N, C-alpha and C. Protein backbone atom coordinates (compact mmCIF):
# COMPACT_ATOMS: atom_id res chain seq x y z
N MET A 1 0.76 -0.93 0.08
CA MET A 1 -0.21 -0.14 -0.15
C MET A 1 0.80 0.89 -0.04
N LYS A 2 2.18 0.95 0.58
CA LYS A 2 2.90 2.83 0.37
C LYS A 2 3.15 2.81 -0.82
N THR A 3 3.09 1.26 -1.86
CA THR A 3 3.78 2.01 -3.26
C THR A 3 2.41 2.54 -3.71
N ALA A 4 1.04 2.53 -3.59
CA ALA A 4 0.53 3.14 -3.94
C ALA A 4 -0.41 5.07 -3.76
N ILE A 5 0.73 4.98 -2.43
CA ILE A 5 0.38 6.52 -1.66
C ILE A 5 1.56 7.19 -2.27
N LEU A 6 2.56 6.54 -2.30
CA LEU A 6 3.54 7.72 -3.37
C LEU A 6 3.38 8.19 -4.53
N PRO A 7 2.77 7.24 -5.88
CA PRO A 7 2.85 7.99 -6.99
C PRO A 7 1.11 8.97 -6.72
N SER A 8 0.69 8.92 -6.00
CA SER A 8 -0.63 9.81 -5.62
C SER A 8 -0.17 11.26 -4.60
N LEU A 9 0.79 10.46 -3.93
CA LEU A 9 1.59 12.03 -3.51
C LEU A 9 2.02 12.40 -5.12
N LEU A 10 2.63 11.70 -5.19
CA LEU A 10 3.46 12.53 -6.61
C LEU A 10 2.70 13.63 -7.58
N ILE A 11 1.52 12.82 -7.34
CA ILE A 11 0.71 13.66 -8.65
C ILE A 11 -0.22 14.71 -7.74
N ALA A 12 -0.12 15.28 -6.57
CA ALA A 12 -0.95 16.13 -6.03
C ALA A 12 0.62 17.16 -6.08
N THR A 13 1.29 16.38 -5.59
CA THR A 13 2.24 17.90 -5.52
C THR A 13 2.84 18.35 -6.87
N PHE A 14 2.91 17.48 -7.76
CA PHE A 14 3.04 18.21 -9.23
C PHE A 14 1.84 19.23 -9.74
N CYS A 15 0.56 18.77 -9.18
CA CYS A 15 -0.65 19.80 -9.64
C CYS A 15 -0.95 20.58 -8.53
N SER A 16 -0.15 20.74 -7.72
CA SER A 16 -0.25 22.07 -6.54
C SER A 16 0.84 22.82 -7.46
N GLN A 17 2.22 22.99 -7.72
CA GLN A 17 3.28 23.58 -8.06
C GLN A 17 2.00 24.06 -9.63
N ALA A 18 1.61 22.94 -10.63
CA ALA A 18 1.48 24.06 -11.61
C ALA A 18 0.46 25.17 -11.73
N HIS A 19 -0.83 25.17 -10.13
CA HIS A 19 -1.39 26.28 -9.92
C HIS A 19 -0.62 27.10 -8.78
N ALA A 20 0.55 26.93 -8.75
CA ALA A 20 1.49 27.96 -8.00
C ALA A 20 2.30 28.83 -9.05
N ALA A 21 1.81 28.34 -10.42
CA ALA A 21 2.51 29.59 -11.63
C ALA A 21 2.61 31.12 -11.15
N VAL A 22 3.45 31.70 -11.17
CA VAL A 22 3.87 33.25 -11.49
C VAL A 22 4.22 33.95 -12.47
N SER A 23 2.93 35.22 -12.94
CA SER A 23 3.05 35.24 -14.14
C SER A 23 3.90 36.89 -14.00
N VAL A 24 4.37 36.97 -14.66
CA VAL A 24 5.90 37.98 -15.19
C VAL A 24 5.12 39.19 -16.49
N THR A 25 5.87 40.33 -16.07
CA THR A 25 5.40 41.70 -17.30
C THR A 25 6.64 41.78 -17.76
N THR A 26 6.06 42.65 -18.71
CA THR A 26 7.28 43.18 -19.61
C THR A 26 6.91 44.69 -19.65
N SER A 27 7.89 45.78 -19.47
CA SER A 27 7.39 47.15 -19.88
C SER A 27 7.43 47.67 -21.49
N ILE A 28 6.59 48.43 -22.13
CA ILE A 28 7.05 48.48 -23.55
C ILE A 28 6.97 50.13 -23.49
N ASP A 29 8.43 50.71 -23.71
CA ASP A 29 8.43 52.49 -23.84
C ASP A 29 7.97 52.52 -25.08
N VAL A 30 7.31 53.59 -25.14
CA VAL A 30 6.29 53.88 -26.81
C VAL A 30 7.09 55.31 -26.78
N GLN A 31 7.64 56.23 -27.89
CA GLN A 31 7.71 57.18 -28.03
C GLN A 31 7.71 57.75 -29.34
N ALA A 32 7.31 58.99 -29.92
CA ALA A 32 6.67 59.55 -31.31
C ALA A 32 7.43 60.77 -30.82
N GLU A 33 8.21 60.93 -32.16
CA GLU A 33 8.91 62.44 -31.93
C GLU A 33 8.25 62.89 -33.23
N ILE A 34 7.39 64.21 -33.21
CA ILE A 34 6.80 64.66 -34.00
C ILE A 34 8.05 66.26 -34.51
N SER A 35 8.21 65.92 -36.18
CA SER A 35 8.60 67.14 -36.45
C SER A 35 8.33 68.12 -36.95
N THR A 36 9.06 69.25 -37.21
CA THR A 36 8.20 70.29 -37.97
C THR A 36 8.22 70.49 -39.38
N VAL A 37 6.83 70.34 -39.69
CA VAL A 37 6.18 70.21 -41.15
C VAL A 37 5.42 71.03 -41.61
N VAL A 38 6.07 72.00 -42.55
CA VAL A 38 5.50 72.81 -43.34
C VAL A 38 5.10 72.56 -44.82
N SER A 39 3.92 72.47 -45.63
CA SER A 39 3.42 72.15 -46.91
C SER A 39 3.27 73.82 -47.42
N VAL A 40 3.63 73.75 -48.63
CA VAL A 40 3.26 75.61 -49.21
C VAL A 40 2.07 75.24 -50.58
N TYR A 41 0.98 75.57 -50.37
CA TYR A 41 0.24 75.51 -51.08
C TYR A 41 -0.18 77.25 -51.97
N ILE A 42 -0.50 76.67 -53.31
CA ILE A 42 -0.83 77.93 -54.11
C ILE A 42 -2.53 77.57 -54.87
N ASN A 43 -3.42 78.05 -54.91
CA ASN A 43 -4.57 77.90 -55.44
C ASN A 43 -5.62 76.47 -54.77
N GLY A 44 -4.75 76.68 -53.46
CA GLY A 44 -5.44 75.22 -52.22
C GLY A 44 -4.85 74.05 -53.11
N HIS A 45 -3.45 73.98 -53.93
CA HIS A 45 -3.08 72.84 -54.11
C HIS A 45 -1.59 72.26 -53.50
N ASP A 46 -1.32 71.65 -53.51
CA ASP A 46 0.20 71.31 -52.57
C ASP A 46 1.42 71.48 -53.53
N VAL A 47 1.81 72.38 -53.62
CA VAL A 47 3.51 72.65 -54.76
C VAL A 47 4.32 72.48 -54.18
N THR A 48 4.70 71.89 -52.62
CA THR A 48 5.73 71.38 -52.18
C THR A 48 6.90 70.56 -52.86
N ASN A 49 7.47 71.10 -52.85
CA ASN A 49 8.77 70.33 -54.05
C ASN A 49 8.78 70.50 -54.89
N LYS A 50 7.80 70.73 -55.64
CA LYS A 50 7.52 71.33 -56.69
C LYS A 50 7.50 72.45 -57.96
N SER A 51 7.64 72.78 -59.01
CA SER A 51 7.44 73.77 -59.82
C SER A 51 6.14 74.32 -59.82
N ILE A 52 6.26 75.91 -60.30
CA ILE A 52 5.37 76.70 -60.51
C ILE A 52 5.60 77.49 -61.75
N GLY A 53 4.85 78.09 -62.14
CA GLY A 53 5.28 79.11 -63.72
C GLY A 53 4.56 80.15 -63.60
N VAL A 54 5.82 81.33 -64.14
CA VAL A 54 5.03 83.01 -63.94
C VAL A 54 5.85 83.42 -65.13
N THR A 55 4.88 83.64 -66.10
CA THR A 55 4.52 84.61 -66.89
C THR A 55 4.80 85.93 -66.98
N MET A 56 6.14 86.33 -67.36
CA MET A 56 5.87 87.96 -67.38
C MET A 56 4.80 88.73 -68.28
N GLN A 57 4.59 89.91 -68.21
CA GLN A 57 4.03 90.53 -69.31
C GLN A 57 4.98 91.94 -68.92
N GLU A 58 4.74 92.54 -70.37
CA GLU A 58 5.28 94.10 -70.30
C GLU A 58 4.02 95.21 -69.61
N ALA A 59 4.43 95.84 -68.37
CA ALA A 59 3.42 97.02 -68.21
C ALA A 59 4.21 98.05 -67.62
N SER A 60 3.90 99.54 -68.64
CA SER A 60 4.40 100.33 -67.91
C SER A 60 6.08 100.90 -68.34
N GLY A 61 6.45 99.89 -69.63
CA GLY A 61 7.89 99.66 -70.15
C GLY A 61 8.79 98.48 -69.69
N TYR A 62 8.00 97.84 -68.37
CA TYR A 62 9.09 96.56 -67.78
C TYR A 62 8.25 95.49 -68.04
N MET A 63 9.19 94.31 -68.08
CA MET A 63 8.68 92.91 -68.16
C MET A 63 8.48 92.72 -66.96
N GLN A 64 6.76 92.56 -65.99
CA GLN A 64 6.10 92.29 -65.02
C GLN A 64 5.88 90.66 -64.29
N GLY A 65 5.89 90.54 -63.40
CA GLY A 65 4.68 88.76 -63.33
C GLY A 65 4.87 89.29 -61.60
N SER A 66 3.77 87.59 -61.25
CA SER A 66 3.82 87.51 -59.62
C SER A 66 3.29 86.06 -59.00
N THR A 67 3.54 86.00 -58.63
CA THR A 67 3.21 84.22 -57.78
C THR A 67 1.05 84.48 -57.94
N PRO A 68 0.68 83.32 -57.79
CA PRO A 68 -0.24 83.63 -57.03
C PRO A 68 -0.44 83.96 -55.68
N PRO A 69 -0.84 83.85 -54.37
CA PRO A 69 -1.24 83.60 -53.66
C PRO A 69 -0.74 82.40 -52.84
N ILE A 70 0.37 82.91 -52.04
CA ILE A 70 0.98 81.45 -51.57
C ILE A 70 0.28 81.39 -49.94
N HIS A 71 0.24 80.06 -49.47
CA HIS A 71 -0.07 79.79 -48.14
C HIS A 71 0.28 78.99 -47.68
N PHE A 72 0.90 78.94 -46.32
CA PHE A 72 1.76 77.84 -45.72
C PHE A 72 1.27 77.04 -44.82
N ILE A 73 1.03 75.81 -44.53
CA ILE A 73 0.22 74.67 -44.11
C ILE A 73 1.26 73.97 -43.17
N GLY A 74 0.93 73.90 -41.75
CA GLY A 74 2.20 72.66 -41.28
C GLY A 74 1.57 72.91 -39.65
N ASN A 75 2.84 72.85 -38.54
CA ASN A 75 2.76 72.79 -37.21
C ASN A 75 3.88 73.62 -37.01
N ALA A 76 4.15 74.41 -37.64
CA ALA A 76 5.00 75.64 -37.11
C ALA A 76 4.10 76.90 -36.95
N SER A 77 4.53 77.72 -35.89
CA SER A 77 4.08 78.64 -35.46
C SER A 77 4.10 79.86 -36.97
N SER A 78 5.43 79.88 -37.83
CA SER A 78 5.53 80.88 -38.76
C SER A 78 6.83 80.52 -38.99
N VAL A 79 6.80 80.71 -40.87
CA VAL A 79 8.43 80.49 -41.96
C VAL A 79 8.91 81.60 -41.83
N ASP A 80 10.07 81.73 -42.08
CA ASP A 80 11.24 82.55 -42.88
C ASP A 80 11.16 82.03 -44.42
N LEU A 81 11.02 83.12 -44.75
CA LEU A 81 11.60 82.69 -46.67
C LEU A 81 12.58 83.45 -46.74
N SER A 82 13.19 82.74 -48.18
CA SER A 82 14.31 83.44 -48.98
C SER A 82 14.07 82.95 -49.81
N LEU A 83 14.96 83.76 -50.78
CA LEU A 83 14.84 83.64 -52.36
C LEU A 83 15.81 83.50 -52.67
N SER A 84 16.66 82.11 -54.13
CA SER A 84 17.74 81.69 -54.87
C SER A 84 17.03 81.78 -55.85
N GLU A 85 18.14 82.86 -56.84
CA GLU A 85 18.22 83.46 -58.32
C GLU A 85 19.41 81.97 -58.86
N PRO A 86 18.33 82.31 -60.32
CA PRO A 86 19.35 81.53 -60.62
C PRO A 86 20.95 81.74 -60.91
N PRO A 87 21.43 80.76 -61.69
CA PRO A 87 23.03 81.01 -61.68
C PRO A 87 23.24 82.48 -62.48
N ALA A 88 22.41 82.97 -63.60
CA ALA A 88 23.20 83.67 -64.20
C ALA A 88 22.50 85.07 -63.64
N LYS A 89 21.87 85.12 -62.80
CA LYS A 89 21.43 86.36 -61.46
C LYS A 89 20.31 86.97 -62.59
N GLY A 90 19.55 86.11 -63.07
CA GLY A 90 18.49 86.85 -63.75
C GLY A 90 17.95 85.88 -64.72
N LEU A 91 17.25 86.17 -66.02
CA LEU A 91 16.76 85.47 -66.68
C LEU A 91 17.52 85.59 -67.72
N THR A 92 18.24 84.25 -68.84
CA THR A 92 19.04 84.11 -69.79
C THR A 92 17.53 84.04 -71.14
N GLY A 93 17.96 84.76 -72.04
CA GLY A 93 17.45 84.69 -73.40
C GLY A 93 18.19 84.49 -74.55
N PRO A 94 17.99 84.95 -75.69
CA PRO A 94 18.48 84.61 -76.82
C PRO A 94 20.22 85.06 -76.44
N ASP A 95 21.16 84.76 -76.97
CA ASP A 95 22.50 85.05 -77.02
C ASP A 95 22.78 85.11 -75.70
N ASN A 96 22.55 84.42 -74.93
CA ASN A 96 22.93 84.47 -73.43
C ASN A 96 22.34 86.01 -73.04
N THR A 97 21.41 86.53 -73.16
CA THR A 97 21.75 87.79 -72.73
C THR A 97 20.69 87.42 -71.54
N VAL A 98 21.15 88.39 -70.63
CA VAL A 98 20.70 88.11 -69.44
C VAL A 98 19.54 89.57 -69.03
N MET A 99 18.13 88.82 -68.41
CA MET A 99 17.58 90.08 -67.89
C MET A 99 17.47 89.98 -66.74
N ALA A 100 17.96 91.27 -65.81
CA ALA A 100 18.15 91.14 -64.35
C ALA A 100 16.87 91.34 -64.25
N LEU A 101 16.74 90.92 -62.87
CA LEU A 101 14.91 91.17 -62.19
C LEU A 101 14.98 91.67 -60.58
N ASN A 102 14.39 92.74 -60.50
CA ASN A 102 14.19 92.97 -58.78
C ASN A 102 12.90 92.04 -58.73
N THR A 103 13.44 91.71 -57.50
CA THR A 103 12.32 90.80 -56.55
C THR A 103 12.10 91.27 -55.73
N SER A 104 10.18 90.73 -55.29
CA SER A 104 10.15 91.43 -53.53
C SER A 104 9.02 90.47 -53.58
N TRP A 105 9.08 90.73 -52.22
CA TRP A 105 7.30 89.53 -51.81
C TRP A 105 6.23 91.00 -50.90
N TYR A 106 5.26 90.47 -51.28
CA TYR A 106 3.96 91.09 -51.47
C TYR A 106 3.23 90.76 -50.07
N ASN A 107 3.50 91.99 -48.98
CA ASN A 107 2.79 91.17 -47.81
C ASN A 107 1.60 91.76 -47.44
N PRO A 108 0.63 90.48 -47.75
CA PRO A 108 -1.14 90.36 -47.12
C PRO A 108 -1.36 91.81 -46.28
N LYS A 109 -0.61 91.64 -45.31
CA LYS A 109 -0.70 92.15 -44.23
C LYS A 109 -0.85 93.94 -44.13
N THR A 110 0.09 94.56 -44.78
CA THR A 110 0.03 95.13 -45.00
C THR A 110 -0.12 96.19 -46.53
N GLY A 111 -0.27 95.08 -47.16
CA GLY A 111 -0.67 95.48 -48.58
C GLY A 111 0.86 95.98 -49.43
N GLY A 112 1.89 96.26 -48.87
CA GLY A 112 3.06 96.88 -49.39
C GLY A 112 4.06 95.83 -49.96
N GLU A 113 5.21 96.19 -50.39
CA GLU A 113 6.11 95.17 -50.59
C GLU A 113 7.80 94.82 -50.25
N VAL A 114 8.22 94.06 -50.24
CA VAL A 114 9.52 93.99 -49.32
C VAL A 114 10.37 93.32 -50.19
N SER A 115 11.35 93.91 -50.39
CA SER A 115 12.93 93.49 -51.00
C SER A 115 12.78 92.04 -50.57
N THR A 116 13.30 90.96 -51.83
CA THR A 116 14.10 90.05 -50.97
C THR A 116 15.34 90.25 -50.63
N SER A 117 15.66 90.67 -50.75
CA SER A 117 17.10 91.21 -49.90
C SER A 117 16.91 90.94 -48.37
N TYR A 118 15.35 91.15 -48.09
CA TYR A 118 15.76 91.47 -46.53
C TYR A 118 14.46 90.25 -46.14
N PRO A 119 14.96 89.85 -44.84
CA PRO A 119 14.07 88.49 -44.34
C PRO A 119 13.29 89.12 -44.03
N PHE A 120 11.83 87.86 -44.69
CA PHE A 120 10.56 87.71 -44.82
C PHE A 120 9.59 86.99 -44.16
N SER A 121 8.76 86.99 -42.96
CA SER A 121 8.63 85.99 -42.16
C SER A 121 7.17 86.12 -42.99
N ASP A 122 6.33 84.46 -42.50
CA ASP A 122 4.82 84.45 -42.78
C ASP A 122 4.12 83.60 -41.97
N VAL A 123 2.37 83.93 -41.70
CA VAL A 123 2.28 82.64 -40.44
C VAL A 123 2.01 81.39 -41.39
N VAL A 124 1.72 80.61 -40.14
CA VAL A 124 1.25 79.46 -40.92
C VAL A 124 -0.33 79.11 -40.23
N TYR A 125 -0.91 78.14 -40.71
CA TYR A 125 -2.34 77.89 -40.62
C TYR A 125 -2.20 76.36 -40.67
N PRO A 126 -2.85 75.83 -39.74
CA PRO A 126 -3.03 74.28 -39.22
C PRO A 126 -3.79 73.63 -40.29
N THR A 127 -4.07 74.29 -41.22
CA THR A 127 -5.16 73.46 -41.87
C THR A 127 -5.39 74.10 -43.16
N LEU A 128 -5.64 73.96 -44.09
CA LEU A 128 -5.78 74.46 -45.23
C LEU A 128 -7.61 75.21 -45.25
N GLN A 129 -8.67 74.77 -44.07
CA GLN A 129 -9.71 75.37 -44.10
C GLN A 129 -9.69 76.57 -42.99
N ASP A 130 -8.62 76.77 -42.61
CA ASP A 130 -7.65 77.34 -41.18
C ASP A 130 -7.61 78.46 -42.04
N VAL A 131 -6.89 78.87 -43.68
CA VAL A 131 -6.71 80.18 -44.17
C VAL A 131 -7.75 80.99 -44.50
N PRO A 132 -8.51 82.11 -43.75
CA PRO A 132 -9.16 82.75 -43.56
C PRO A 132 -9.39 83.56 -45.08
N ASP A 133 -8.98 83.38 -45.97
CA ASP A 133 -8.94 84.39 -47.21
C ASP A 133 -8.22 83.39 -48.39
N MET A 134 -8.34 82.66 -49.16
CA MET A 134 -7.57 81.92 -50.17
C MET A 134 -7.07 82.90 -51.18
N GLN A 135 -7.42 84.33 -51.40
CA GLN A 135 -6.99 85.16 -52.75
C GLN A 135 -5.64 86.32 -51.89
N LYS A 136 -6.24 86.22 -50.19
CA LYS A 136 -4.78 86.55 -50.13
C LYS A 136 -4.14 86.05 -48.96
N GLY A 137 -2.66 86.10 -49.87
CA GLY A 137 -1.50 85.57 -48.72
C GLY A 137 -0.39 86.03 -49.63
N VAL A 138 1.06 85.40 -49.25
CA VAL A 138 2.03 86.28 -49.77
C VAL A 138 2.41 85.93 -51.19
N LYS A 139 2.65 86.73 -52.06
CA LYS A 139 3.35 86.45 -53.52
C LYS A 139 4.81 87.36 -53.62
N LEU A 140 5.30 86.53 -54.56
CA LEU A 140 6.56 86.75 -54.90
C LEU A 140 6.21 87.69 -56.47
N ASN A 141 7.05 88.98 -56.45
CA ASN A 141 6.81 89.61 -57.01
C ASN A 141 8.44 89.95 -58.09
N PHE A 142 7.83 89.90 -59.52
CA PHE A 142 9.27 89.81 -60.34
C PHE A 142 8.92 90.81 -61.37
N LYS A 143 10.53 91.97 -61.45
CA LYS A 143 9.89 93.20 -62.39
C LYS A 143 11.78 93.25 -63.02
N SER A 144 11.73 93.30 -64.07
CA SER A 144 12.16 93.49 -65.25
C SER A 144 13.64 94.58 -64.57
N ALA A 145 15.29 95.10 -64.65
CA ALA A 145 15.81 95.61 -63.84
C ALA A 145 15.68 97.08 -65.21
N ALA A 146 15.74 96.68 -65.92
CA ALA A 146 15.55 97.88 -67.01
C ALA A 146 14.56 97.85 -68.16
N ARG A 147 14.68 98.60 -68.84
CA ARG A 147 12.73 98.96 -69.67
C ARG A 147 13.39 97.43 -71.02
N SER A 148 11.88 97.49 -71.15
CA SER A 148 11.87 96.13 -72.39
C SER A 148 12.28 96.06 -73.53
N GLU A 149 12.29 97.47 -73.88
CA GLU A 149 12.96 97.76 -75.21
C GLU A 149 14.28 97.60 -75.57
N THR A 150 15.19 97.82 -74.59
CA THR A 150 16.56 97.35 -73.98
C THR A 150 16.98 95.82 -74.34
N PHE A 151 16.19 95.14 -74.36
CA PHE A 151 16.35 93.73 -74.78
C PHE A 151 15.90 93.08 -76.15
N PRO A 152 16.60 92.11 -76.60
CA PRO A 152 16.70 91.72 -77.87
C PRO A 152 15.48 90.66 -77.92
N LEU A 153 14.26 90.57 -79.09
CA LEU A 153 13.55 89.49 -78.53
C LEU A 153 13.64 88.28 -78.75
N GLY A 154 12.74 87.52 -77.77
CA GLY A 154 13.13 86.02 -77.99
C GLY A 154 12.03 86.07 -76.60
N THR A 155 12.25 84.77 -75.99
CA THR A 155 12.09 84.34 -74.81
C THR A 155 13.56 84.04 -73.94
N TYR A 156 12.69 84.46 -72.18
CA TYR A 156 13.74 84.59 -71.41
C TYR A 156 13.47 83.87 -70.50
N SER A 157 13.95 82.92 -69.61
CA SER A 157 13.85 82.07 -68.49
C SER A 157 14.76 81.67 -67.89
N GLY A 158 14.58 81.34 -66.68
CA GLY A 158 15.00 81.06 -65.37
C GLY A 158 13.94 80.60 -63.97
N THR A 159 14.92 79.63 -63.05
CA THR A 159 14.54 78.73 -62.02
C THR A 159 14.99 80.18 -60.77
N TYR A 160 14.04 80.82 -60.08
CA TYR A 160 14.17 80.99 -58.94
C TYR A 160 12.96 80.17 -57.91
N THR A 161 14.11 80.17 -56.59
CA THR A 161 14.03 78.84 -55.51
C THR A 161 13.62 79.30 -54.56
N ILE A 162 12.57 79.35 -53.95
CA ILE A 162 11.77 79.97 -52.54
C ILE A 162 12.02 79.00 -51.43
N THR A 163 12.86 79.12 -50.56
CA THR A 163 13.31 78.65 -49.38
C THR A 163 12.60 78.09 -48.11
N VAL A 164 12.28 77.73 -47.31
CA VAL A 164 10.80 78.03 -46.43
C VAL A 164 11.36 77.41 -45.14
N ARG A 165 11.44 78.36 -44.06
CA ARG A 165 12.29 77.68 -42.88
C ARG A 165 11.36 77.41 -42.19
N PRO A 166 10.89 76.50 -41.52
CA PRO A 166 10.13 76.63 -40.39
C PRO A 166 10.24 77.55 -38.82
N LYS A 167 9.86 77.78 -38.39
CA LYS A 167 10.11 78.10 -36.93
C LYS A 167 8.95 77.78 -35.84
N VAL A 168 9.34 77.02 -35.09
CA VAL A 168 8.81 76.54 -33.94
C VAL A 168 8.16 77.63 -33.18
């Protein structure tokens, strides 16, 4: 009878140890870093890292043109804008003739212009729906430094680049 008690005792001991299992935990630390992001919109379309075209027209003896209103959408409080000119320092035309341009920012808040040689800042909106008036926004104005009749006939072109630096 002693041998029958021993297996029963082993089974009872094994079962009580199985019920005495201890749970363990592992902590998972989660982080999310939000970077400052700003997109450039013209006429309700995202033109960030894309090109737009400006056609200059003769007005008062000079070639003139401007961008449509530009809006900045993102999670920054404002942006600083700067302008880089083409390598030729203007538009290149027939026989490599360069048409120098005077450039300025149109400030919708004051209705005035500020030379692109000076720092310029603009507001950033959280969403496109937050823009109060899509027809009012910063513009980039171009005007030939010399009168139109001083240039040979032909097509002139060049690429100017706006750099947008978000401020938190």
